[in-house]
Amino acid sequence: MNVSQIESIVKYITNAQGEKTEAIIPIDLWHNLLKKLPSIDDESTESGLDLVDEHEPKSQILADLQASIRAVKAGEVYPVSQLWDKLDD
């Protein structure tokens, strides 16, 4: 379901000026939305990592770290400013 479809089934409560103040959504949609959100109570989210990183296998993290260490030992280092430039692109 895309955003337009969701907006078409949401009902709104307005104030005296006609401004939307509340949204009423069907309970099935509410439950589906909750399933898609990360749990606030999930201890793993306390690490501050992005969800993609949070669920990355430890073996992959270790392999990436080992590759980084090999690159440094081989002299493959870059100035921080160059790394930031790549992020801006």
N, C-alpha and C. Protein backbone atom coordinates (compact mmCIF):
# COMPACT_ATOMS: atom_id res chain seq x y z
N MET A 1 0.85 -1.17 0.00
CA MET A 1 0.00 0.00 0.00
C MET A 1 0.90 1.24 0.00
N ASN A 2 0.62 2.15 -0.90
CA ASN A 2 1.43 3.37 -0.96
C ASN A 2 0.77 4.51 -0.17
N VAL A 3 1.46 5.62 -0.08
CA VAL A 3 1.00 6.75 0.74
C VAL A 3 -0.34 7.27 0.26
N SER A 4 -0.55 7.38 -1.06
CA SER A 4 -1.83 7.89 -1.57
C SER A 4 -2.98 6.99 -1.16
N GLN A 5 -2.74 5.68 -1.20
CA GLN A 5 -3.79 4.74 -0.80
C GLN A 5 -4.10 4.88 0.69
N ILE A 6 -3.05 5.05 1.47
CA ILE A 6 -3.25 5.23 2.92
C ILE A 6 -4.02 6.51 3.18
N GLU A 7 -3.63 7.60 2.53
CA GLU A 7 -4.31 8.89 2.73
C GLU A 7 -5.78 8.82 2.34
N SER A 8 -6.11 7.98 1.36
CA SER A 8 -7.50 7.90 0.91
C SER A 8 -8.41 7.22 1.92
N ILE A 9 -7.85 6.42 2.85
CA ILE A 9 -8.70 5.74 3.82
C ILE A 9 -8.60 6.34 5.23
N VAL A 10 -7.74 7.31 5.41
CA VAL A 10 -7.61 7.98 6.70
C VAL A 10 -8.70 9.03 6.83
N LYS A 11 -9.29 9.11 8.02
CA LYS A 11 -10.30 10.13 8.31
C LYS A 11 -9.67 11.14 9.26
N TYR A 12 -10.10 12.39 9.16
CA TYR A 12 -9.50 13.44 9.97
C TYR A 12 -10.52 14.12 10.87
N ILE A 13 -10.03 14.58 12.00
CA ILE A 13 -10.79 15.43 12.91
C ILE A 13 -10.20 16.82 12.76
N THR A 14 -11.06 17.81 12.65
CA THR A 14 -10.58 19.18 12.48
C THR A 14 -11.04 20.05 13.65
N ASN A 15 -10.33 21.15 13.83
CA ASN A 15 -10.74 22.11 14.85
C ASN A 15 -11.75 23.10 14.23
N ALA A 16 -12.14 24.10 15.00
CA ALA A 16 -13.13 25.07 14.54
C ALA A 16 -12.66 25.84 13.30
N GLN A 17 -11.35 25.96 13.10
CA GLN A 17 -10.81 26.67 11.94
C GLN A 17 -10.68 25.75 10.72
N GLY A 18 -11.05 24.49 10.88
CA GLY A 18 -10.95 23.55 9.77
C GLY A 18 -9.58 22.93 9.60
N GLU A 19 -8.68 23.17 10.57
CA GLU A 19 -7.33 22.59 10.50
C GLU A 19 -7.37 21.16 11.02
N LYS A 20 -6.69 20.26 10.32
CA LYS A 20 -6.64 18.86 10.75
C LYS A 20 -5.84 18.79 12.05
N THR A 21 -6.44 18.14 13.05
CA THR A 21 -5.77 18.02 14.35
C THR A 21 -5.53 16.57 14.76
N GLU A 22 -6.29 15.66 14.22
CA GLU A 22 -6.18 14.24 14.56
C GLU A 22 -6.43 13.42 13.31
N ALA A 23 -5.93 12.20 13.32
CA ALA A 23 -6.19 11.27 12.21
C ALA A 23 -6.77 9.99 12.78
N ILE A 24 -7.74 9.46 12.09
CA ILE A 24 -8.34 8.18 12.45
C ILE A 24 -8.03 7.21 11.32
N ILE A 25 -7.40 6.10 11.68
CA ILE A 25 -7.06 5.12 10.65
C ILE A 25 -7.66 3.76 11.02
N PRO A 26 -8.00 2.98 10.01
CA PRO A 26 -8.56 1.65 10.30
C PRO A 26 -7.57 0.82 11.13
N ILE A 27 -8.10 0.01 12.02
CA ILE A 27 -7.27 -0.74 12.96
C ILE A 27 -6.31 -1.69 12.24
N ASP A 28 -6.74 -2.31 11.15
CA ASP A 28 -5.85 -3.21 10.41
C ASP A 28 -4.64 -2.46 9.87
N LEU A 29 -4.89 -1.25 9.34
CA LEU A 29 -3.79 -0.43 8.84
C LEU A 29 -2.85 -0.06 9.99
N TRP A 30 -3.41 0.30 11.13
CA TRP A 30 -2.61 0.66 12.31
C TRP A 30 -1.69 -0.49 12.70
N HIS A 31 -2.23 -1.69 12.77
CA HIS A 31 -1.41 -2.85 13.15
C HIS A 31 -0.31 -3.11 12.11
N ASN A 32 -0.63 -2.96 10.83
CA ASN A 32 0.38 -3.15 9.79
C ASN A 32 1.49 -2.10 9.88
N LEU A 33 1.11 -0.86 10.17
CA LEU A 33 2.12 0.19 10.33
C LEU A 33 3.02 -0.08 11.53
N LEU A 34 2.42 -0.54 12.63
CA LEU A 34 3.22 -0.84 13.81
C LEU A 34 4.23 -1.95 13.54
N LYS A 35 3.84 -2.94 12.75
CA LYS A 35 4.75 -4.03 12.42
C LYS A 35 5.95 -3.54 11.62
N LYS A 36 5.76 -2.49 10.83
CA LYS A 36 6.83 -1.98 9.99
C LYS A 36 7.80 -1.06 10.74
N LEU A 37 7.38 -0.58 11.90
CA LEU A 37 8.23 0.31 12.68
C LEU A 37 9.13 -0.49 13.61
N PRO A 38 10.36 -0.01 13.83
CA PRO A 38 11.21 -0.70 14.82
C PRO A 38 10.58 -0.52 16.20
N SER A 39 10.70 -1.53 16.99
CA SER A 39 10.13 -1.48 18.33
C SER A 39 10.90 -0.50 19.21
N ILE A 40 10.19 0.33 19.91
CA ILE A 40 10.82 1.28 20.83
C ILE A 40 11.45 0.53 22.00
N ASP A 41 10.85 -0.59 22.37
CA ASP A 41 11.34 -1.37 23.50
C ASP A 41 12.47 -2.31 23.11
N ASP A 42 12.78 -2.43 21.83
CA ASP A 42 13.80 -3.35 21.35
C ASP A 42 15.16 -2.90 21.86
N GLU A 43 15.81 -3.72 22.68
CA GLU A 43 17.10 -3.34 23.26
C GLU A 43 18.16 -3.10 22.21
N SER A 44 18.07 -3.78 21.08
CA SER A 44 19.11 -3.64 20.07
C SER A 44 19.13 -2.24 19.46
N THR A 45 18.03 -1.49 19.51
CA THR A 45 18.02 -0.16 18.94
C THR A 45 18.72 0.85 19.84
N GLU A 46 19.03 0.47 21.08
CA GLU A 46 19.70 1.39 22.00
C GLU A 46 21.15 1.63 21.61
N SER A 47 21.67 0.85 20.68
CA SER A 47 23.06 1.01 20.28
C SER A 47 23.28 2.28 19.47
N GLY A 48 22.18 2.80 18.91
CA GLY A 48 22.31 3.99 18.09
C GLY A 48 22.64 3.68 16.64
N LEU A 49 22.75 2.40 16.31
CA LEU A 49 23.05 2.02 14.93
C LEU A 49 21.81 2.11 14.07
N ASP A 50 22.01 2.35 12.80
CA ASP A 50 20.93 2.28 11.83
C ASP A 50 20.43 0.85 11.79
N LEU A 51 19.15 0.65 11.51
CA LEU A 51 18.60 -0.71 11.49
C LEU A 51 19.34 -1.63 10.54
N VAL A 52 19.79 -1.10 9.40
CA VAL A 52 20.54 -1.93 8.45
C VAL A 52 21.80 -2.45 9.13
N ASP A 53 22.50 -1.58 9.84
CA ASP A 53 23.73 -1.99 10.53
C ASP A 53 23.41 -2.87 11.73
N GLU A 54 22.31 -2.59 12.39
CA GLU A 54 21.92 -3.34 13.58
C GLU A 54 21.76 -4.82 13.27
N HIS A 55 21.27 -5.13 12.08
CA HIS A 55 20.99 -6.52 11.73
C HIS A 55 22.06 -7.14 10.84
N GLU A 56 23.16 -6.43 10.64
CA GLU A 56 24.25 -6.99 9.84
C GLU A 56 24.90 -8.12 10.62
N PRO A 57 25.14 -9.25 9.96
CA PRO A 57 25.76 -10.37 10.67
C PRO A 57 27.13 -10.00 11.22
N LYS A 58 27.44 -10.53 12.39
CA LYS A 58 28.74 -10.26 13.02
C LYS A 58 29.88 -10.70 12.12
N SER A 59 29.66 -11.78 11.37
CA SER A 59 30.72 -12.27 10.48
C SER A 59 31.04 -11.23 9.40
N GLN A 60 30.01 -10.51 8.92
CA GLN A 60 30.24 -9.48 7.91
C GLN A 60 30.96 -8.28 8.51
N ILE A 61 30.59 -7.90 9.72
CA ILE A 61 31.26 -6.80 10.41
C ILE A 61 32.73 -7.13 10.59
N LEU A 62 33.02 -8.35 11.01
CA LEU A 62 34.40 -8.78 11.21
C LEU A 62 35.17 -8.78 9.89
N ALA A 63 34.55 -9.29 8.83
CA ALA A 63 35.20 -9.31 7.52
C ALA A 63 35.50 -7.90 7.03
N ASP A 64 34.57 -6.96 7.23
CA ASP A 64 34.80 -5.56 6.83
C ASP A 64 35.94 -4.95 7.63
N LEU A 65 35.97 -5.24 8.91
CA LEU A 65 37.03 -4.71 9.78
C LEU A 65 38.39 -5.26 9.36
N GLN A 66 38.45 -6.56 9.07
CA GLN A 66 39.70 -7.17 8.64
C GLN A 66 40.17 -6.58 7.30
N ALA A 67 39.24 -6.33 6.39
CA ALA A 67 39.59 -5.72 5.11
C ALA A 67 40.13 -4.31 5.32
N SER A 68 39.53 -3.58 6.25
CA SER A 68 40.00 -2.22 6.55
C SER A 68 41.41 -2.24 7.13
N ILE A 69 41.66 -3.18 8.02
CA ILE A 69 42.99 -3.29 8.63
C ILE A 69 44.03 -3.63 7.57
N ARG A 70 43.71 -4.55 6.65
CA ARG A 70 44.63 -4.90 5.56
C ARG A 70 44.90 -3.68 4.68
N ALA A 71 43.88 -2.88 4.40
CA ALA A 71 44.05 -1.69 3.57
C ALA A 71 44.98 -0.69 4.24
N VAL A 72 44.83 -0.50 5.54
CA VAL A 72 45.70 0.44 6.27
C VAL A 72 47.14 -0.06 6.25
N LYS A 73 47.32 -1.35 6.49
CA LYS A 73 48.67 -1.92 6.47
C LYS A 73 49.32 -1.79 5.10
N ALA A 74 48.49 -1.81 4.05
CA ALA A 74 49.01 -1.69 2.68
C ALA A 74 49.21 -0.23 2.29
N GLY A 75 48.92 0.68 3.22
CA GLY A 75 49.13 2.10 2.94
C GLY A 75 47.97 2.75 2.19
N GLU A 76 46.86 2.05 2.10
CA GLU A 76 45.69 2.61 1.41
C GLU A 76 44.89 3.47 2.39
N VAL A 77 45.38 4.66 2.62
CA VAL A 77 44.72 5.59 3.53
C VAL A 77 44.39 6.86 2.77
N TYR A 78 43.37 7.56 3.24
CA TYR A 78 42.90 8.77 2.57
C TYR A 78 42.68 9.86 3.62
N PRO A 79 42.91 11.12 3.23
CA PRO A 79 42.61 12.21 4.15
C PRO A 79 41.10 12.25 4.44
N VAL A 80 40.75 12.60 5.63
CA VAL A 80 39.34 12.67 6.01
C VAL A 80 38.57 13.60 5.08
N SER A 81 39.19 14.70 4.69
CA SER A 81 38.50 15.65 3.80
C SER A 81 38.10 14.99 2.49
N GLN A 82 38.93 14.08 1.99
CA GLN A 82 38.61 13.39 0.75
C GLN A 82 37.41 12.45 0.96
N LEU A 83 37.34 11.82 2.11
CA LEU A 83 36.22 10.94 2.40
C LEU A 83 34.92 11.73 2.49
N TRP A 84 34.99 12.92 3.12
CA TRP A 84 33.79 13.76 3.22
C TRP A 84 33.36 14.23 1.85
N ASP A 85 34.30 14.53 0.97
CA ASP A 85 33.95 14.97 -0.39
C ASP A 85 33.14 13.90 -1.11
N LYS A 86 33.51 12.63 -0.90
CA LYS A 86 32.77 11.54 -1.55
C LYS A 86 31.35 11.45 -1.02
N LEU A 87 31.15 11.75 0.26
CA LEU A 87 29.82 11.70 0.83
C LEU A 87 28.94 12.81 0.28
N ASP A 88 29.54 13.95 -0.05
CA ASP A 88 28.78 15.08 -0.58
C ASP A 88 28.32 14.86 -2.01
N ASP A 89 29.00 13.96 -2.75
CA ASP A 89 28.65 13.72 -4.15
C ASP A 89 27.37 13.02 -4.34
